Protein backbone atom coordinates (compact mmCIF):
# COMPACT_ATOMS: atom_id res chain seq x y z
CA MET A 1 41.00 129.33 99.13
CA GLN A 2 43.55 132.07 98.68
CA LEU A 3 44.85 131.56 102.26
CA TYR A 4 45.12 127.80 101.65
CA ALA A 5 47.04 128.40 98.44
CA ASN A 6 49.41 130.81 100.18
CA ASN A 7 50.06 128.33 103.02
CA LYS A 8 50.69 125.55 100.54
CA GLN A 9 53.15 127.71 98.62
CA GLN A 10 54.92 128.63 101.88
CA ILE A 11 55.26 124.97 102.85
CA THR A 12 56.66 124.16 99.40
CA ASN A 13 59.18 127.00 99.69
CA ASN A 14 60.27 125.81 103.15
CA LYS A 15 60.77 122.27 101.89
CA GLN A 16 62.79 123.53 98.93
CA LEU A 17 64.92 125.67 101.24
CA THR A 18 65.54 122.68 103.52
CA MET A 19 66.51 120.49 100.56
CA ASP A 20 68.85 123.19 99.24
CA PHE A 21 70.54 123.58 102.63
CA THR A 22 70.88 119.80 103.01
CA LEU A 23 72.45 119.50 99.58
CA PHE A 24 74.76 122.44 100.36
CA LEU A 25 75.91 120.82 103.61
CA GLN A 26 76.48 117.46 101.90
CA GLN A 27 78.55 119.05 99.16
CA PHE A 28 80.46 121.15 101.67
CA LEU A 29 81.44 118.06 103.68
CA ASN A 30 82.37 116.20 100.49
CA GLY A 31 84.48 119.16 99.41
CA LEU A 32 86.32 119.21 102.74
CA SER A 33 87.01 115.49 102.37
CA ILE A 34 88.53 115.58 98.89
CA GLY A 35 90.19 118.92 99.59
CA SER A 36 91.98 117.52 102.62
CA VAL A 37 93.41 114.72 100.46
CA TYR A 38 94.58 117.27 97.90
CA ALA A 39 96.20 119.16 100.79
CA ILE A 40 98.26 116.27 102.19
CA PHE A 41 99.24 115.21 98.67
CA ALA A 42 100.30 118.75 97.76
CA LEU A 43 102.30 119.01 100.99
CA GLY A 44 104.62 116.36 99.57
CA TYR A 45 105.35 118.67 96.63
CA THR A 46 105.71 121.68 98.94
CA LEU A 47 108.22 120.07 101.31
CA VAL A 48 110.57 119.06 98.51
CA PHE A 49 110.23 122.40 96.74
CA SER A 50 110.93 124.34 99.93
CA ILE A 51 114.17 122.39 100.46
CA LEU A 52 115.49 121.99 96.91
CA GLY A 53 113.65 124.68 94.97
CA SER A 54 112.59 122.07 92.41
CA ILE A 55 109.35 120.23 91.65
CA ASN A 56 109.34 116.48 92.18
CA PHE A 57 107.35 115.22 89.18
CA ALA A 58 107.64 111.64 90.45
CA HIS A 59 105.38 112.43 93.41
CA GLY A 60 102.33 111.22 91.50
CA ALA A 61 104.05 107.88 90.86
CA ILE A 62 104.81 107.54 94.59
CA PHE A 63 101.12 108.26 95.21
CA THR A 64 100.29 105.30 92.97
CA LEU A 65 102.86 103.06 94.66
CA GLY A 66 101.35 103.77 98.08
CA ALA A 67 97.93 102.64 96.90
CA TYR A 68 99.32 99.40 95.46
CA PHE A 69 101.36 98.72 98.61
CA SER A 70 98.33 99.10 100.89
CA TYR A 71 96.15 97.06 98.54
CA SER A 72 98.59 94.14 98.54
CA LEU A 73 99.17 94.32 102.32
CA MET A 74 95.45 93.69 102.82
CA GLY A 75 95.95 90.30 101.17
CA GLU A 76 94.23 91.19 97.90
CA ALA A 77 95.36 89.37 94.75
CA PHE A 78 96.60 91.04 91.60
CA GLY A 79 95.01 90.45 88.20
CA PHE A 80 95.82 88.17 85.29
CA ASN A 81 98.49 90.33 83.68
CA GLY A 82 101.97 91.28 84.71
CA LEU A 83 104.87 89.46 86.28
CA LEU A 84 103.00 89.18 89.61
CA ALA A 85 99.76 87.89 88.05
CA ASN A 86 97.37 86.27 90.59
CA LEU A 87 99.87 86.85 93.39
CA ALA A 88 98.57 87.60 96.89
CA LEU A 89 100.60 88.09 100.03
CA PRO A 90 100.10 85.46 102.77
CA LEU A 91 98.79 88.09 105.19
CA GLN A 92 95.63 90.12 105.51
CA LEU A 93 96.29 93.27 107.46
CA PRO A 94 93.41 95.49 108.59
CA PHE A 95 93.04 98.70 106.63
CA PRO A 96 94.58 101.08 109.23
CA LEU A 97 97.73 98.96 109.52
CA ALA A 98 97.93 98.43 105.76
CA LEU A 99 97.59 102.20 105.29
CA LEU A 100 100.42 102.88 107.75
CA LEU A 101 102.83 100.25 106.40
CA GLY A 102 101.98 101.00 102.76
CA SER A 103 102.69 104.67 103.35
CA ILE A 104 105.99 103.86 105.08
CA LEU A 105 106.99 101.78 102.05
CA ALA A 106 106.04 104.74 99.84
CA GLY A 107 108.27 106.91 102.03
CA LEU A 108 111.16 104.49 101.56
CA ALA A 109 110.50 104.63 97.81
CA GLY A 110 110.78 108.40 98.13
CA ILE A 111 114.23 107.99 99.71
CA GLY A 112 115.26 105.70 96.84
CA LEU A 113 114.01 108.32 94.40
CA GLU A 114 116.13 110.98 96.09
CA ARG A 115 119.24 108.77 95.95
CA LEU A 116 118.87 107.90 92.28
CA ALA A 117 117.21 110.91 90.63
CA PHE A 118 118.08 113.92 92.79
CA ARG A 119 121.31 113.45 94.74
CA PRO A 120 123.66 112.73 91.78
CA LEU A 121 122.55 115.93 90.07
CA ARG A 122 122.64 117.94 93.29
CA VAL A 123 126.20 116.85 94.03
CA ARG A 124 127.26 118.05 90.58
CA GLY A 125 125.50 121.38 91.08
CA ALA A 126 123.07 120.73 88.23
CA ASP A 127 120.46 123.25 87.17
CA PRO A 128 117.01 122.81 88.83
CA LEU A 129 115.52 122.23 85.38
CA GLN A 130 117.72 119.15 84.96
CA THR A 131 116.49 117.87 88.32
CA LEU A 132 112.91 118.40 87.21
CA VAL A 133 113.52 116.41 84.03
CA SER A 134 115.23 113.69 86.05
CA SER A 135 112.19 113.37 88.34
CA LEU A 136 109.91 113.20 85.30
CA GLY A 137 112.01 110.37 83.90
CA ALA A 138 111.87 108.58 87.26
CA ALA A 139 108.07 108.89 87.24
CA ILE A 140 107.87 107.26 83.82
CA VAL A 141 110.13 104.43 84.96
CA ILE A 142 108.06 103.80 88.12
CA VAL A 143 104.74 103.82 86.27
CA ASN A 144 105.98 101.42 83.61
CA LEU A 145 107.52 99.17 86.27
CA ILE A 146 104.15 98.99 88.03
CA GLN A 147 102.46 98.08 84.76
CA TYR A 148 105.09 95.41 84.07
CA LEU A 149 104.60 93.86 87.50
CA VAL A 150 100.81 94.01 88.03
CA GLY A 151 99.31 94.98 84.70
CA ALA A 152 96.96 97.85 83.97
CA GLU A 153 93.77 96.46 85.52
CA ILE A 154 91.55 98.47 87.84
CA TYR A 155 91.85 97.27 91.44
CA THR A 156 89.21 97.87 94.08
CA PHE A 157 89.73 97.69 97.81
CA PRO A 158 87.50 95.16 99.61
CA ALA A 159 84.00 96.36 100.51
CA ASP A 160 84.67 95.73 104.21
CA ALA A 161 87.95 97.67 104.24
CA TYR A 162 86.54 99.96 106.95
CA GLY A 163 85.20 97.10 109.04
CA ASN A 164 81.62 97.19 110.25
CA LEU A 165 81.14 100.92 109.82
CA PRO A 166 77.88 101.94 108.11
CA ALA A 167 77.96 102.91 104.46
CA ALA A 168 76.95 106.49 105.32
CA ILE A 169 76.75 108.72 108.39
CA ASN A 170 73.89 111.09 109.10
CA PHE A 171 75.11 114.57 110.12
CA GLY A 172 71.58 115.89 110.33
CA THR A 173 68.45 114.69 112.11
CA ALA A 174 65.96 111.93 111.42
CA GLU A 175 63.60 114.50 109.89
CA LYS A 176 66.31 116.35 107.98
CA PRO A 177 69.05 113.81 107.20
CA VAL A 178 72.42 114.91 105.83
CA MET A 179 74.02 111.68 104.62
CA VAL A 180 77.74 111.56 103.91
CA ARG A 181 79.62 108.44 102.83
CA THR A 182 81.60 106.93 105.67
CA VAL A 183 84.67 106.70 103.48
CA GLN A 184 84.54 110.48 103.00
CA VAL A 185 84.40 111.00 106.76
CA VAL A 186 87.33 108.63 107.29
CA ILE A 187 89.35 110.38 104.60
CA PHE A 188 88.73 113.77 106.19
CA GLY A 189 89.54 112.48 109.68
CA VAL A 190 92.81 110.82 108.64
CA SER A 191 93.85 113.80 106.54
CA ALA A 192 93.06 116.29 109.31
CA LEU A 193 95.03 114.22 111.83
CA ILE A 194 98.06 114.08 109.54
CA LEU A 195 97.88 117.83 108.88
CA VAL A 196 97.76 118.58 112.62
CA VAL A 197 100.66 116.24 113.42
CA LEU A 198 102.77 117.56 110.54
CA THR A 199 102.08 121.18 111.50
CA TYR A 200 103.15 120.44 115.08
CA LEU A 201 106.32 118.64 114.01
CA ILE A 202 107.41 121.43 111.68
CA ASN A 203 106.61 124.37 113.95
CA TYR A 204 107.21 123.08 117.48
CA THR A 205 109.99 120.46 117.38
CA LYS A 206 113.77 120.67 116.96
CA ILE A 207 113.59 118.55 113.83
CA GLY A 208 111.02 120.90 112.35
CA LYS A 209 113.08 123.96 113.23
CA ALA A 210 116.15 122.38 111.65
CA LEU A 211 114.12 121.54 108.55
CA GLN A 212 113.01 125.16 108.28
CA ALA A 213 116.63 126.28 108.67
CA VAL A 214 117.75 124.03 105.80
CA ALA A 215 114.88 125.31 103.65
CA GLU A 216 115.89 128.91 104.40
CA ASP A 217 119.63 128.50 103.75
CA ALA A 218 121.33 125.11 103.64
CA THR A 219 124.83 126.59 103.78
CA THR A 220 124.14 128.63 106.92
CA ALA A 221 122.34 125.65 108.48
CA SER A 222 125.41 123.46 107.93
CA LEU A 223 127.59 126.09 109.65
CA LEU A 224 125.28 125.81 112.67
CA GLY A 225 125.89 122.05 112.88
CA ILE A 226 122.87 120.87 110.91
CA ASN A 227 123.45 118.16 108.32
CA PRO A 228 121.44 119.29 105.25
CA GLU A 229 121.74 115.93 103.47
CA ARG A 230 120.15 114.12 106.38
CA PHE A 231 117.19 116.48 106.37
CA ILE A 232 116.83 116.26 102.61
CA VAL A 233 116.48 112.48 102.97
CA LEU A 234 113.95 113.02 105.78
CA THR A 235 112.01 115.41 103.57
CA PHE A 236 111.75 112.85 100.77
CA PHE A 237 110.61 110.20 103.24
CA VAL A 238 107.87 112.44 104.65
CA SER A 239 106.88 113.51 101.12
CA GLY A 240 106.63 109.87 100.00
CA PHE A 241 104.71 108.95 103.16
CA LEU A 242 102.17 111.71 102.49
CA GLY A 243 101.84 110.59 98.87
CA GLY A 244 101.27 107.01 100.02
CA VAL A 245 98.56 108.07 102.46
CA ALA A 246 96.80 110.14 99.81
CA GLY A 247 97.03 107.34 97.22
CA THR A 248 95.59 104.77 99.61
CA LEU A 249 92.72 107.00 100.73
CA VAL A 250 91.76 107.87 97.17
CA GLY A 251 92.14 104.24 96.05
CA SER A 252 89.89 103.02 98.89
CA SER A 253 87.27 105.65 98.04
CA LEU A 254 87.22 105.14 94.29
CA SER A 255 89.59 102.48 92.95
CA ILE A 256 93.16 102.08 91.76
CA ALA A 257 92.57 102.96 88.14
CA GLY A 258 95.77 101.49 86.76
CA PRO A 259 99.41 102.59 87.02
CA TYR A 260 98.65 106.04 85.63
CA PHE A 261 95.94 106.99 88.09
CA GLY A 262 98.36 109.14 90.08
CA ILE A 263 99.13 111.33 87.06
CA ALA A 264 95.86 113.28 87.26
CA PHE A 265 96.35 113.81 90.96
CA GLY A 266 99.90 114.88 90.28
CA LEU A 267 98.64 117.67 88.03
CA LYS A 268 96.02 118.61 90.62
CA GLY A 269 98.68 118.70 93.30
CA LEU A 270 100.75 121.11 91.21
CA GLY A 271 97.71 123.31 90.83
CA VAL A 272 97.19 123.25 94.59
CA ILE A 273 100.71 124.37 95.49
CA VAL A 274 100.66 127.11 92.85
CA LEU A 275 97.28 128.31 94.11
CA GLY A 276 98.42 128.34 97.73
CA GLY A 277 101.89 129.72 97.05
CA LEU A 278 105.01 127.76 96.09
CA GLY A 279 106.85 126.43 99.11
CA ASN A 280 104.17 127.64 101.54
CA ILE A 281 102.83 124.85 103.78
CA PRO A 282 99.67 126.66 105.03
CA GLY A 283 99.12 127.73 101.43
CA ALA A 284 99.16 124.10 100.25
CA VAL A 285 96.49 123.23 102.83
CA LEU A 286 94.34 126.23 101.89
CA GLY A 287 94.79 125.58 98.17
CA GLY A 288 93.75 121.96 98.56
CA LEU A 289 90.60 122.88 100.45
CA VAL A 290 89.69 125.62 97.97
CA ILE A 291 90.01 123.31 94.96
CA GLY A 292 88.20 120.49 96.76
CA LEU A 293 85.26 122.74 97.63
CA ALA A 294 85.21 124.24 94.13
CA GLU A 295 84.93 120.75 92.62
CA ALA A 296 82.26 119.66 95.11
CA PHE A 297 79.92 122.48 94.14
CA VAL A 298 80.08 121.82 90.41
CA PRO A 299 76.53 120.82 89.36
CA SER A 300 76.11 117.14 88.54
CA ASP A 301 75.18 117.99 84.96
CA TYR A 302 78.66 119.47 84.52
CA SER A 303 80.63 116.97 86.61
CA GLY A 304 82.82 116.17 83.62
CA TYR A 305 84.19 119.70 83.80
CA LYS A 306 85.30 119.58 87.44
CA GLU A 307 88.99 119.76 86.60
CA ALA A 308 88.42 122.57 84.12
CA ILE A 309 86.49 124.64 86.65
CA ALA A 310 89.11 124.05 89.36
CA PHE A 311 91.92 125.18 87.09
CA ALA A 312 89.84 128.12 85.85
CA LEU A 313 89.62 129.20 89.50
CA LEU A 314 93.39 128.82 89.75
CA PHE A 315 93.83 130.99 86.66
CA ILE A 316 91.58 133.73 88.06
CA VAL A 317 93.33 133.77 91.43
CA LEU A 318 96.76 133.97 89.80
CA LEU A 319 95.65 136.93 87.70
CA ILE A 320 94.88 138.75 90.94
CA ARG A 321 97.69 137.32 93.11
CA PRO A 322 100.51 135.86 90.97
CA GLN A 323 102.29 134.67 94.13
CA GLY A 324 99.30 132.55 95.18
CA LEU A 325 96.87 132.93 98.08
CA LEU A 326 99.48 132.87 100.85
CA GLY A 327 102.69 133.20 98.85
CA ARG A 328 105.08 136.10 99.25
CA SER A 329 105.74 138.36 96.29
CA GLN A 330 109.27 138.31 94.96
CA ARG A 331 111.03 141.44 93.76
CA VAL A 332 113.13 141.15 90.65
CA ARG A 333 116.50 142.75 91.14
CA ASP A 334 118.10 144.75 88.38
């Protein structure tokens, strides 16, 4: 009887260990998925900051615009409120094409933002704080314009947005399944692809080298024949494109929770770039993954405190490394 009881207890312990490992793997994959979205969104902040030395507070609004652009390009109708009530475009693009075109439109919106909110102040040699306030004002205008046009309803992407793909993918075995939502896998795949392409463009192409030169010293870059203004415009386009991609991926996974749904992600993006190191591209990627994983492992009973725990982690890291995980410390000159 004692041997039977011991064997039964051993089997129970093995099952519990298997369940714990399965749950760990599921949460780890989920954390990578949401963390990769945080990373590409935060890269939009990082690119602009590295060029201008100022935070673009309208990036969250561009994030929201990208989601609405992609939603409408799929032929979905708007709600009963707003100037465009019940309007639907006469085309129904598949999700990948809608994602691409919606993000391009978000990039063009980023260029418009640079022309109206950043360039006039930059030409006058305004203080970076004034530029920050200008971008905040632009964000408020964009958000209220969205609400005026399409209302404040919650919009959900169609259930078949990803075609005939299964609802979840098993990363384990038939005996020990590790189920992850297909949308999470798609989000991670798209985000990883964008990160790889962007890293290659910045580090191994002439355009990327020129962009780094402008970020290092715009005056010296201009003396070498590089047009800083052209690369500033390019930076805002890429930043807007990344925001549009992130907005669409999040909107397709959850929903477009009204015109203000990019605000929370805007704050999270700021936390990511501070955690990784201001102006540091690898730091933005690492910071996004760290915060995504930290949120994923918050117990379900405390899911309402995900943001608090993520920012508590940020606070602890900054106490140890004020320059961020990969940031360089700055000496204050007397």
